[in-house]
Amino acid sequence: MIKQKILIIDDEPDIRDVLKITLECEGYEVFEATDGVDGLEKVHKKSPDMVILDYKMPKMDGHEVCQILKKDILLRHMPIIMLTGKGETQDKVNGINAGADDYMVKPFEPTELVARVKMILRRSTRDLDANPLSRLPGNITIMHELEAAITRNAPFSVCYLDLDKFKSFNDTYGFEHGDEVIRETARIILNVVNEYGNPDDFVGHIGGDDYVFLTSVDKTELLCNRIIDCFDKIAPSFYNQLDRERGYIIAKDRQGNVDKVPLISVSIGIVSNRDKSISHVVEIGEIGAELKKLAKANQGSNFVWDTRK
């Protein structure tokens, strides 16, 4: 069973020790940070399921850390428990206003803390079946959104997106760099859909380097073109200078042959009820897989519509 990860951000070693021992005894994987700046770095490196955050710290206080995390579109759903000093009522108010999900007053009873942690994580898991890397909704929510779109029977497009040449990149640069690419791709899709899409458009993460976004037919090509433009601009930054300048890496392809592998690009397959009726989620998935395969057969980033009647 995969352990849930908790990050403790506190400048007091004794508090961190108590929290770490208590939470590890309950089966959690625990990481520590000594101040707000260190905490933000570890959030991005470790992708915790929860943060326990002290309000008063050097370099950056808990209020500011909380605000930054809650403004990040990939991290805003991650629960935060704020630790405040006894009698510091304004700290509690400021913490809640900054977006903290709960607070506890120091000194605290370890058993009460564990109870709160379990309750909040249980609620968070139930409310958002999030992908652990991107924090985007996962397959359960994706299925519900697609079923709702079919039921509404209004014109829609389901856009399946994945990364080309990602396996070769992962093999060459390692999984940690690969995870950064997955997170950045999610960020690009979300930013584009939020800026150019409709208020009720949906973005989900199927897993690995596979994503899906649901939008109206009239917004589809705009969103696909903007996502491709944004991705292609940032893709070279994933590579070292040598690979970036020559425009490829020397790596094994999926058949195990050593070859010049182009830089990562994106392929998008668009399933729509624009030209034909769609009655089941399985139908969307099957058509989407075919269209992604067609898109990946083309060189570079591109998208492909389903034009069959």
C-alpha atoms as a PDB file:
ATOM      1  CA  MET A   1       0.000   0.000   0.000  1.00  0.00           C
ATOM      2  CA  ILE A   2       1.334   3.454  -0.976  1.00  0.00           C
ATOM      3  CA  LYS A   3       1.882   5.680   2.059  1.00  0.00           C
ATOM      4  CA  GLN A   4       0.360   9.149   2.086  1.00  0.00           C
ATOM      5  CA  LYS A   5       2.992  11.890   2.276  1.00  0.00           C
ATOM      6  CA  ILE A   6       2.946  14.759   4.768  1.00  0.00           C
ATOM      7  CA  LEU A   7       5.314  17.730   4.717  1.00  0.00           C
ATOM      8  CA  ILE A   8       6.033  19.533   8.022  1.00  0.00           C
ATOM      9  CA  ILE A   9       7.185  23.157   7.616  1.00  0.00           C
ATOM     10  CA  ASP A  10       8.336  24.482  10.994  1.00  0.00           C
ATOM     11  CA  ASP A  11      11.508  26.185  12.237  1.00  0.00           C
ATOM     12  CA  GLU A  12      11.309  24.501  15.663  1.00  0.00           C
ATOM     13  CA  PRO A  13      13.201  21.147  15.676  1.00  0.00           C
ATOM     14  CA  ASP A  14      11.313  19.860  18.728  1.00  0.00           C
ATOM     15  CA  ILE A  15       7.938  20.404  17.077  1.00  0.00           C
ATOM     16  CA  ARG A  16       9.126  18.724  13.885  1.00  0.00           C
ATOM     17  CA  ASP A  17      10.425  15.740  15.879  1.00  0.00           C
ATOM     18  CA  VAL A  18       7.127  15.273  17.735  1.00  0.00           C
ATOM     19  CA  LEU A  19       5.125  15.537  14.526  1.00  0.00           C
ATOM     20  CA  LYS A  20       7.426  13.216  12.590  1.00  0.00           C
ATOM     21  CA  ILE A  21       7.432  10.494  15.241  1.00  0.00           C
ATOM     22  CA  THR A  22       3.675  10.728  15.777  1.00  0.00           C
ATOM     23  CA  LEU A  23       2.765  10.641  12.088  1.00  0.00           C
ATOM     24  CA  GLU A  24       5.249   7.936  11.114  1.00  0.00           C
ATOM     25  CA  CYS A  25       3.789   5.722  13.820  1.00  0.00           C
ATOM     26  CA  GLU A  26       0.438   6.140  12.055  1.00  0.00           C
ATOM     27  CA  GLY A  27       1.935   4.926   8.759  1.00  0.00           C
ATOM     28  CA  TYR A  28       2.505   8.243   6.993  1.00  0.00           C
ATOM     29  CA  GLU A  29       5.646   9.149   5.031  1.00  0.00           C
ATOM     30  CA  VAL A  30       6.937  12.394   6.575  1.00  0.00           C
ATOM     31  CA  PHE A  31       9.238  15.074   5.163  1.00  0.00           C
ATOM     32  CA  GLU A  32      10.560  18.173   6.929  1.00  0.00           C
ATOM     33  CA  ALA A  33      11.337  21.772   5.986  1.00  0.00           C
ATOM     34  CA  THR A  34      12.884  24.371   8.282  1.00  0.00           C
ATOM     35  CA  ASP A  35      11.345  27.555   6.865  1.00  0.00           C
ATOM     36  CA  GLY A  36       8.850  28.798   4.296  1.00  0.00           C
ATOM     37  CA  VAL A  37      11.287  29.011   1.386  1.00  0.00           C
ATOM     38  CA  ASP A  38      12.586  25.493   2.032  1.00  0.00           C
ATOM     39  CA  GLY A  39       8.988  24.324   2.388  1.00  0.00           C
ATOM     40  CA  LEU A  40       7.900  25.628  -1.015  1.00  0.00           C
ATOM     41  CA  GLU A  41      10.854  23.889  -2.663  1.00  0.00           C
ATOM     42  CA  LYS A  42       9.993  20.580  -0.991  1.00  0.00           C
ATOM     43  CA  VAL A  43       6.325  20.869  -1.948  1.00  0.00           C
ATOM     44  CA  HIS A  44       7.338  20.882  -5.618  1.00  0.00           C
ATOM     45  CA  LYS A  45       9.910  18.101  -5.182  1.00  0.00           C
ATOM     46  CA  LYS A  46       7.933  15.739  -2.948  1.00  0.00           C
ATOM     47  CA  SER A  47       4.293  16.365  -4.025  1.00  0.00           C
ATOM     48  CA  PRO A  48       2.898  15.810  -0.495  1.00  0.00           C
ATOM     49  CA  ASP A  49      -0.719  14.885   0.182  1.00  0.00           C
ATOM     50  CA  MET A  50      -0.844  17.388   3.065  1.00  0.00           C
ATOM     51  CA  VAL A  51       1.210  20.233   4.563  1.00  0.00           C
ATOM     52  CA  ILE A  52       1.430  21.024   8.280  1.00  0.00           C
ATOM     53  CA  LEU A  53       2.596  24.627   8.382  1.00  0.00           C
ATOM     54  CA  ASP A  54       3.806  26.842  11.243  1.00  0.00           C
ATOM     55  CA  TYR A  55       2.508  30.400  11.133  1.00  0.00           C
ATOM     56  CA  LYS A  56       5.581  32.229  12.472  1.00  0.00           C
ATOM     57  CA  MET A  57       8.832  31.337  10.679  1.00  0.00           C
ATOM     58  CA  PRO A  58      11.919  33.114   9.350  1.00  0.00           C
ATOM     59  CA  LYS A  59      12.378  34.056   5.651  1.00  0.00           C
ATOM     60  CA  MET A  60       8.689  33.517   4.821  1.00  0.00           C
ATOM     61  CA  ASP A  61       5.836  33.116   7.302  1.00  0.00           C
ATOM     62  CA  GLY A  62       3.044  30.562   7.108  1.00  0.00           C
ATOM     63  CA  HIS A  63       0.511  33.110   5.892  1.00  0.00           C
ATOM     64  CA  GLU A  64       2.591  33.884   2.792  1.00  0.00           C
ATOM     65  CA  VAL A  65       3.411  30.215   2.114  1.00  0.00           C
ATOM     66  CA  CYS A  66      -0.272  29.313   2.353  1.00  0.00           C
ATOM     67  CA  GLN A  67      -1.268  32.098  -0.032  1.00  0.00           C
ATOM     68  CA  ILE A  68       1.315  30.999  -2.609  1.00  0.00           C
ATOM     69  CA  LEU A  69       0.209  27.359  -2.458  1.00  0.00           C
ATOM     70  CA  LYS A  70      -3.481  28.184  -2.718  1.00  0.00           C
ATOM     71  CA  LYS A  71      -2.900  30.436  -5.752  1.00  0.00           C
ATOM     72  CA  ASP A  72      -1.119  27.632  -7.625  1.00  0.00           C
ATOM     73  CA  ILE A  73      -3.638  25.892  -9.872  1.00  0.00           C
ATOM     74  CA  LEU A  74      -1.925  22.533  -9.358  1.00  0.00           C
ATOM     75  CA  LEU A  75      -1.587  22.808  -5.575  1.00  0.00           C
ATOM     76  CA  ARG A  76      -4.676  24.659  -4.390  1.00  0.00           C
ATOM     77  CA  HIS A  77      -6.500  21.413  -3.510  1.00  0.00           C
ATOM     78  CA  MET A  78      -3.694  20.167  -1.233  1.00  0.00           C
ATOM     79  CA  PRO A  79      -4.915  20.443   2.390  1.00  0.00           C
ATOM     80  CA  ILE A  80      -2.986  22.625   4.859  1.00  0.00           C
ATOM     81  CA  ILE A  81      -3.105  22.549   8.672  1.00  0.00           C
ATOM     82  CA  MET A  82      -1.770  25.769  10.201  1.00  0.00           C
ATOM     83  CA  LEU A  83       0.021  25.703  13.588  1.00  0.00           C
ATOM     84  CA  THR A  84      -0.388  28.845  15.695  1.00  0.00           C
ATOM     85  CA  GLY A  85       0.781  29.971  19.125  1.00  0.00           C
ATOM     86  CA  LYS A  86      -1.481  29.833  22.148  1.00  0.00           C
ATOM     87  CA  GLY A  87      -3.743  32.855  22.294  1.00  0.00           C
ATOM     88  CA  GLU A  88      -2.643  34.171  18.893  1.00  0.00           C
ATOM     89  CA  THR A  89      -6.194  34.718  17.653  1.00  0.00           C
ATOM     90  CA  GLN A  90      -5.169  36.951  14.752  1.00  0.00           C
ATOM     91  CA  ASP A  91      -2.771  34.270  13.501  1.00  0.00           C
ATOM     92  CA  LYS A  92      -5.662  31.814  13.348  1.00  0.00           C
ATOM     93  CA  VAL A  93      -7.815  34.307  11.453  1.00  0.00           C
ATOM     94  CA  ASN A  94      -5.007  35.178   9.027  1.00  0.00           C
ATOM     95  CA  GLY A  95      -4.248  31.501   8.445  1.00  0.00           C
ATOM     96  CA  ILE A  96      -7.854  30.670   7.601  1.00  0.00           C
ATOM     97  CA  ASN A  97      -8.112  33.752   5.379  1.00  0.00           C
ATOM     98  CA  ALA A  98      -4.959  32.648   3.539  1.00  0.00           C
ATOM     99  CA  GLY A  99      -6.656  29.353   2.691  1.00  0.00           C
ATOM    100  CA  ALA A 100      -5.654  26.947   5.485  1.00  0.00           C
ATOM    101  CA  ASP A 101      -8.076  24.030   5.811  1.00  0.00           C
ATOM    102  CA  ASP A 102      -7.683  23.749   9.585  1.00  0.00           C
ATOM    103  CA  TYR A 103      -5.505  25.048  12.433  1.00  0.00           C
ATOM    104  CA  MET A 104      -4.120  23.765  15.716  1.00  0.00           C
ATOM    105  CA  VAL A 105      -2.770  25.668  18.687  1.00  0.00           C
ATOM    106  CA  LYS A 106       0.689  24.831  20.067  1.00  0.00           C
ATOM    107  CA  PRO A 107       1.261  22.977  22.315  1.00  0.00           C
ATOM    108  CA  PHE A 108      -1.144  20.388  20.925  1.00  0.00           C
ATOM    109  CA  GLU A 109      -2.207  16.861  21.806  1.00  0.00           C
ATOM    110  CA  PRO A 110      -0.652  14.425  19.293  1.00  0.00           C
ATOM    111  CA  THR A 111      -3.772  12.257  19.325  1.00  0.00           C
ATOM    112  CA  GLU A 112      -5.947  15.228  18.357  1.00  0.00           C
ATOM    113  CA  LEU A 113      -3.545  16.165  15.563  1.00  0.00           C
ATOM    114  CA  VAL A 114      -3.647  12.620  14.159  1.00  0.00           C
ATOM    115  CA  ALA A 115      -7.444  12.646  14.262  1.00  0.00           C
ATOM    116  CA  ARG A 116      -7.545  15.928  12.340  1.00  0.00           C
ATOM    117  CA  VAL A 117      -4.987  14.728   9.805  1.00  0.00           C
ATOM    118  CA  LYS A 118      -6.985  11.557   9.126  1.00  0.00           C
ATOM    119  CA  MET A 119     -10.253  13.455   8.828  1.00  0.00           C
ATOM    120  CA  ILE A 120      -8.876  16.064   6.400  1.00  0.00           C
ATOM    121  CA  LEU A 121      -7.028  13.526   4.224  1.00  0.00           C
ATOM    122  CA  ARG A 122     -10.123  11.330   4.099  1.00  0.00           C
ATOM    123  CA  ARG A 123     -12.240  14.289   3.023  1.00  0.00           C
ATOM    124  CA  SER A 124      -9.635  15.429   0.502  1.00  0.00           C
ATOM    125  CA  THR A 125      -9.361  11.975  -1.076  1.00  0.00           C
ATOM    126  CA  ARG A 126     -13.117  11.674  -1.322  1.00  0.00           C
ATOM    127  CA  ASP A 127     -13.665  15.123  -2.789  1.00  0.00           C
ATOM    128  CA  LEU A 128     -10.872  14.965  -5.350  1.00  0.00           C
ATOM    129  CA  ASP A 129      -9.523  11.781  -6.871  1.00  0.00           C
ATOM    130  CA  ALA A 130      -6.446  13.750  -7.808  1.00  0.00           C
ATOM    131  CA  ASN A 131      -3.442  12.537  -9.741  1.00  0.00           C
ATOM    132  CA  PRO A 132      -0.535  12.668  -7.243  1.00  0.00           C
ATOM    133  CA  LEU A 133       1.780  14.486  -9.675  1.00  0.00           C
ATOM    134  CA  SER A 134      -0.473  17.088 -11.248  1.00  0.00           C
ATOM    135  CA  ARG A 135      -3.255  17.239  -8.621  1.00  0.00           C
ATOM    136  CA  LEU A 136      -5.705  17.207 -11.541  1.00  0.00           C
ATOM    137  CA  PRO A 137      -8.901  15.133 -11.232  1.00  0.00           C
ATOM    138  CA  GLY A 138      -8.361  11.472 -12.091  1.00  0.00           C
ATOM    139  CA  ASN A 139     -10.287   8.775 -13.910  1.00  0.00           C
ATOM    140  CA  ILE A 140     -13.346   8.580 -11.661  1.00  0.00           C
ATOM    141  CA  THR A 141     -14.072  12.282 -12.075  1.00  0.00           C
ATOM    142  CA  ILE A 142     -13.213  12.127 -15.792  1.00  0.00           C
ATOM    143  CA  MET A 143     -15.821   9.377 -16.300  1.00  0.00           C
ATOM    144  CA  HIS A 144     -18.470  11.409 -14.480  1.00  0.00           C
ATOM    145  CA  GLU A 145     -17.717  14.525 -16.556  1.00  0.00           C
ATOM    146  CA  LEU A 146     -17.929  12.606 -19.844  1.00  0.00           C
ATOM    147  CA  GLU A 147     -21.193  10.930 -18.801  1.00  0.00           C
ATOM    148  CA  ALA A 148     -22.612  14.349 -17.875  1.00  0.00           C
ATOM    149  CA  ALA A 149     -21.589  15.778 -21.281  1.00  0.00           C
ATOM    150  CA  ILE A 150     -23.324  12.901 -23.104  1.00  0.00           C
ATOM    151  CA  THR A 151     -26.462  13.355 -20.976  1.00  0.00           C
ATOM    152  CA  ARG A 152     -26.610  17.116 -21.685  1.00  0.00           C
ATOM    153  CA  ASN A 153     -26.547  16.302 -25.426  1.00  0.00           C
ATOM    154  CA  ALA A 154     -25.111  19.733 -26.264  1.00  0.00           C
ATOM    155  CA  PRO A 155     -22.213  19.959 -28.783  1.00  0.00           C
ATOM    156  CA  PHE A 156     -18.931  19.062 -27.045  1.00  0.00           C
ATOM    157  CA  SER A 157     -15.342  18.058 -27.766  1.00  0.00           C
ATOM    158  CA  VAL A 158     -13.271  15.662 -25.684  1.00  0.00           C
ATOM    159  CA  CYS A 159      -9.590  16.281 -26.372  1.00  0.00           C
ATOM    160  CA  TYR A 160      -7.148  13.490 -25.514  1.00  0.00           C
ATOM    161  CA  LEU A 161      -3.571  14.767 -25.219  1.00  0.00           C
ATOM    162  CA  ASP A 162      -0.326  12.937 -24.648  1.00  0.00           C
ATOM    163  CA  LEU A 163       3.389  13.542 -25.083  1.00  0.00           C
ATOM    164  CA  ASP A 164       5.412  12.256 -28.037  1.00  0.00           C
ATOM    165  CA  LYS A 165       8.905  10.819 -27.378  1.00  0.00           C
ATOM    166  CA  PHE A 166       8.333  10.996 -23.628  1.00  0.00           C
ATOM    167  CA  LYS A 167       9.643   7.486 -22.889  1.00  0.00           C
ATOM    168  CA  SER A 168      12.990   8.295 -24.531  1.00  0.00           C
ATOM    169  CA  PHE A 169      13.161  11.531 -22.535  1.00  0.00           C
ATOM    170  CA  ASN A 170      12.421   9.670 -19.290  1.00  0.00           C
ATOM    171  CA  ASP A 171      15.042   7.022 -20.042  1.00  0.00           C
ATOM    172  CA  THR A 172      17.665   9.672 -20.812  1.00  0.00           C
ATOM    173  CA  TYR A 173      16.952  12.331 -18.177  1.00  0.00           C
ATOM    174  CA  GLY A 174      15.403  10.252 -15.394  1.00  0.00           C
ATOM    175  CA  PHE A 175      11.994  10.039 -13.762  1.00  0.00           C
ATOM    176  CA  GLU A 176      12.423  13.166 -11.645  1.00  0.00           C
ATOM    177  CA  HIS A 177      12.849  15.329 -14.752  1.00  0.00           C
ATOM    178  CA  GLY A 178      10.044  13.370 -16.386  1.00  0.00           C
ATOM    179  CA  ASP A 179       7.743  14.249 -13.475  1.00  0.00           C
ATOM    180  CA  GLU A 180       8.606  17.938 -13.965  1.00  0.00           C
ATOM    181  CA  VAL A 181       7.534  17.681 -17.606  1.00  0.00           C
ATOM    182  CA  ILE A 182       4.256  16.006 -16.593  1.00  0.00           C
ATOM    183  CA  ARG A 183       3.519  18.756 -14.055  1.00  0.00           C
ATOM    184  CA  GLU A 184       4.435  21.552 -16.463  1.00  0.00           C
ATOM    185  CA  THR A 185       2.239  20.060 -19.192  1.00  0.00           C
ATOM    186  CA  ALA A 186      -0.687  19.975 -16.763  1.00  0.00           C
ATOM    187  CA  ARG A 187      -0.007  23.595 -15.846  1.00  0.00           C
ATOM    188  CA  ILE A 188      -0.010  24.651 -19.530  1.00  0.00           C
ATOM    189  CA  ILE A 189      -3.302  22.872 -20.260  1.00  0.00           C
ATOM    190  CA  LEU A 190      -4.974  24.363 -17.179  1.00  0.00           C
ATOM    191  CA  ASN A 191      -3.727  27.883 -17.848  1.00  0.00           C
ATOM    192  CA  VAL A 192      -4.855  27.813 -21.482  1.00  0.00           C
ATOM    193  CA  VAL A 193      -8.282  26.340 -20.699  1.00  0.00           C
ATOM    194  CA  ASN A 194      -8.808  28.821 -17.846  1.00  0.00           C
ATOM    195  CA  GLU A 195      -7.830  31.786 -20.041  1.00  0.00           C
ATOM    196  CA  TYR A 196      -9.397  30.884 -23.387  1.00  0.00           C
ATOM    197  CA  GLY A 197     -12.038  28.261 -22.617  1.00  0.00           C
ATOM    198  CA  ASN A 198     -15.504  28.337 -21.084  1.00  0.00           C
ATOM    199  CA  PRO A 199     -16.092  28.689 -17.316  1.00  0.00           C
ATOM    200  CA  ASP A 200     -17.372  25.105 -17.070  1.00  0.00           C
ATOM    201  CA  ASP A 201     -14.651  23.444 -19.200  1.00  0.00           C
ATOM    202  CA  PHE A 202     -12.951  20.468 -17.550  1.00  0.00           C
ATOM    203  CA  VAL A 203      -9.326  19.266 -17.389  1.00  0.00           C
ATOM    204  CA  GLY A 204      -8.341  15.812 -16.116  1.00  0.00           C
ATOM    205  CA  HIS A 205      -5.216  13.651 -15.864  1.00  0.00           C
ATOM    206  CA  ILE A 206      -5.713  10.071 -17.038  1.00  0.00           C
ATOM    207  CA  GLY A 207      -2.249   9.082 -15.808  1.00  0.00           C
ATOM    208  CA  GLY A 208       1.392   9.231 -16.902  1.00  0.00           C
ATOM    209  CA  ASP A 209       1.664  11.621 -19.851  1.00  0.00           C
ATOM    210  CA  ASP A 210      -2.034  11.276 -20.826  1.00  0.00           C
ATOM    211  CA  TYR A 211      -4.486  14.134 -20.228  1.00  0.00           C
ATOM    212  CA  VAL A 212      -8.001  15.033 -21.282  1.00  0.00           C
ATOM    213  CA  PHE A 213      -9.910  18.285 -21.522  1.00  0.00           C
ATOM    214  CA  LEU A 214     -13.586  18.801 -22.281  1.00  0.00           C
ATOM    215  CA  THR A 215     -14.801  21.956 -24.017  1.00  0.00           C
ATOM    216  CA  SER A 216     -17.363  23.289 -26.482  1.00  0.00           C
ATOM    217  CA  VAL A 217     -16.924  22.681 -30.214  1.00  0.00           C
ATOM    218  CA  ASP A 218     -16.367  26.368 -30.991  1.00  0.00           C
ATOM    219  CA  LYS A 219     -13.445  26.628 -28.503  1.00  0.00           C
ATOM    220  CA  THR A 220     -11.720  23.397 -29.488  1.00  0.00           C
ATOM    221  CA  GLU A 221      -9.235  24.498 -32.148  1.00  0.00           C
ATOM    222  CA  LEU A 222      -8.342  27.691 -30.259  1.00  0.00           C
ATOM    223  CA  LEU A 223      -7.470  25.706 -27.132  1.00  0.00           C
ATOM    224  CA  CYS A 224      -5.516  23.045 -29.057  1.00  0.00           C
ATOM    225  CA  ASN A 225      -3.510  25.663 -30.967  1.00  0.00           C
ATOM    226  CA  ARG A 226      -2.746  27.668 -27.819  1.00  0.00           C
ATOM    227  CA  ILE A 227      -1.677  24.555 -25.873  1.00  0.00           C
ATOM    228  CA  ILE A 228       0.600  23.480 -28.739  1.00  0.00           C
ATOM    229  CA  ASP A 229       2.122  26.974 -29.017  1.00  0.00           C
ATOM    230  CA  CYS A 230       2.790  27.198 -25.273  1.00  0.00           C
ATOM    231  CA  PHE A 231       4.194  23.677 -25.056  1.00  0.00           C
ATOM    232  CA  ASP A 232       6.469  24.016 -28.077  1.00  0.00           C
ATOM    233  CA  LYS A 233       7.917  27.245 -26.669  1.00  0.00           C
ATOM    234  CA  ILE A 234       8.810  25.692 -23.316  1.00  0.00           C
ATOM    235  CA  ALA A 235       9.762  22.159 -24.464  1.00  0.00           C
ATOM    236  CA  PRO A 236      13.428  23.004 -25.284  1.00  0.00           C
ATOM    237  CA  SER A 237      13.956  24.161 -21.690  1.00  0.00           C
ATOM    238  CA  PHE A 238      13.458  20.551 -20.509  1.00  0.00           C
ATOM    239  CA  TYR A 239      16.779  19.593 -22.150  1.00  0.00           C
ATOM    240  CA  ASN A 240      20.444  20.384 -21.536  1.00  0.00           C
ATOM    241  CA  GLN A 241      22.175  22.889 -23.794  1.00  0.00           C
ATOM    242  CA  LEU A 242      23.704  20.315 -26.156  1.00  0.00           C
ATOM    243  CA  ASP A 243      20.436  18.465 -26.792  1.00  0.00           C
ATOM    244  CA  ARG A 244      18.534  21.737 -27.037  1.00  0.00           C
ATOM    245  CA  GLU A 245      20.874  23.174 -29.686  1.00  0.00           C
ATOM    246  CA  ARG A 246      20.939  20.088 -31.901  1.00  0.00           C
ATOM    247  CA  GLY A 247      17.193  19.481 -31.501  1.00  0.00           C
ATOM    248  CA  TYR A 248      17.323  15.794 -30.576  1.00  0.00           C
ATOM    249  CA  ILE A 249      18.699  13.258 -28.092  1.00  0.00           C
ATOM    250  CA  ILE A 250      20.516   9.995 -28.720  1.00  0.00           C
ATOM    251  CA  ALA A 251      18.276   7.365 -27.139  1.00  0.00           C
ATOM    252  CA  LYS A 252      16.462   4.101 -27.703  1.00  0.00           C
ATOM    253  CA  ASP A 253      13.080   4.267 -29.362  1.00  0.00           C
ATOM    254  CA  ARG A 254      10.126   2.058 -28.336  1.00  0.00           C
ATOM    255  CA  GLN A 255      11.524  -0.763 -30.466  1.00  0.00           C
ATOM    256  CA  GLY A 256      14.835  -0.619 -28.593  1.00  0.00           C
ATOM    257  CA  ASN A 257      16.792   0.858 -31.496  1.00  0.00           C
ATOM    258  CA  VAL A 258      19.331   3.608 -30.760  1.00  0.00           C
ATOM    259  CA  ASP A 259      18.368   6.640 -32.814  1.00  0.00           C
ATOM    260  CA  LYS A 260      18.154  10.441 -32.954  1.00  0.00           C
ATOM    261  CA  VAL A 261      14.945  11.116 -31.020  1.00  0.00           C
ATOM    262  CA  PRO A 262      13.297  14.538 -31.585  1.00  0.00           C
ATOM    263  CA  LEU A 263      12.365  16.821 -28.692  1.00  0.00           C
ATOM    264  CA  ILE A 264       9.080  16.168 -26.892  1.00  0.00           C
ATOM    265  CA  SER A 265       5.920  17.322 -28.655  1.00  0.00           C
ATOM    266  CA  VAL A 266       2.181  16.920 -28.008  1.00  0.00           C
ATOM    267  CA  SER A 267      -0.467  14.976 -29.912  1.00  0.00           C
ATOM    268  CA  ILE A 268      -4.178  15.680 -29.428  1.00  0.00           C
ATOM    269  CA  GLY A 269      -7.072  13.531 -30.627  1.00  0.00           C
ATOM    270  CA  ILE A 270     -10.445  15.299 -30.666  1.00  0.00           C
ATOM    271  CA  VAL A 271     -13.635  13.266 -30.147  1.00  0.00           C
ATOM    272  CA  SER A 272     -16.783  15.300 -30.788  1.00  0.00           C
ATOM    273  CA  ASN A 273     -20.512  14.901 -31.273  1.00  0.00           C
ATOM    274  CA  ARG A 274     -20.310  17.717 -33.834  1.00  0.00           C
ATOM    275  CA  ASP A 275     -20.805  15.386 -36.803  1.00  0.00           C
ATOM    276  CA  LYS A 276     -22.249  12.247 -35.204  1.00  0.00           C
ATOM    277  CA  SER A 277     -24.084  11.027 -32.133  1.00  0.00           C
ATOM    278  CA  ILE A 278     -22.144   9.639 -29.142  1.00  0.00           C
ATOM    279  CA  SER A 279     -24.055   7.572 -26.608  1.00  0.00           C
ATOM    280  CA  HIS A 280     -21.450   5.987 -24.303  1.00  0.00           C
ATOM    281  CA  VAL A 281     -18.217   6.910 -22.511  1.00  0.00           C
ATOM    282  CA  VAL A 282     -16.502   3.762 -23.815  1.00  0.00           C
ATOM    283  CA  GLU A 283     -17.132   4.992 -27.346  1.00  0.00           C
ATOM    284  CA  ILE A 284     -15.350   8.250 -26.555  1.00  0.00           C
ATOM    285  CA  GLY A 285     -12.340   6.407 -25.160  1.00  0.00           C
ATOM    286  CA  GLU A 286     -12.035   4.059 -28.143  1.00  0.00           C
ATOM    287  CA  ILE A 287     -12.261   6.848 -30.703  1.00  0.00           C
ATOM    288  CA  GLY A 288      -9.848   8.991 -28.677  1.00  0.00           C
ATOM    289  CA  ALA A 289      -7.221   6.229 -28.675  1.00  0.00           C
ATOM    290  CA  GLU A 290      -7.486   5.883 -32.472  1.00  0.00           C
ATOM    291  CA  LEU A 291      -7.188   9.623 -33.023  1.00  0.00           C
ATOM    292  CA  LYS A 292      -4.164   9.992 -30.748  1.00  0.00           C
ATOM    293  CA  LYS A 293      -2.468   7.239 -32.729  1.00  0.00           C
ATOM    294  CA  LEU A 294      -3.163   9.153 -35.948  1.00  0.00           C
ATOM    295  CA  ALA A 295      -1.869  12.400 -34.448  1.00  0.00           C
ATOM    296  CA  LYS A 296       1.309  10.710 -33.208  1.00  0.00           C
ATOM    297  CA  ALA A 297       2.025   9.462 -36.721  1.00  0.00           C
ATOM    298  CA  ASN A 298       2.563  13.083 -37.756  1.00  0.00           C
ATOM    299  CA  GLN A 299       5.825  14.901 -37.041  1.00  0.00           C
ATOM    300  CA  GLY A 300       5.779  17.468 -34.222  1.00  0.00           C
ATOM    301  CA  SER A 301       2.879  18.810 -32.173  1.00  0.00           C
ATOM    302  CA  ASN A 302      -0.537  18.578 -33.843  1.00  0.00           C
ATOM    303  CA  PHE A 303      -4.191  17.712 -33.343  1.00  0.00           C
ATOM    304  CA  VAL A 304      -6.594  15.472 -35.258  1.00  0.00           C
ATOM    305  CA  TRP A 305     -10.399  15.664 -35.422  1.00  0.00           C
ATOM    306  CA  ASP A 306     -12.676  12.672 -35.836  1.00  0.00           C
ATOM    307  CA  THR A 307     -14.226  13.438 -39.248  1.00  0.00           C
ATOM    308  CA  ARG A 308     -16.179  10.200 -39.618  1.00  0.00           C
ATOM    309  CA  LYS A 309     -19.967  10.566 -39.839  1.00  0.00           C
END
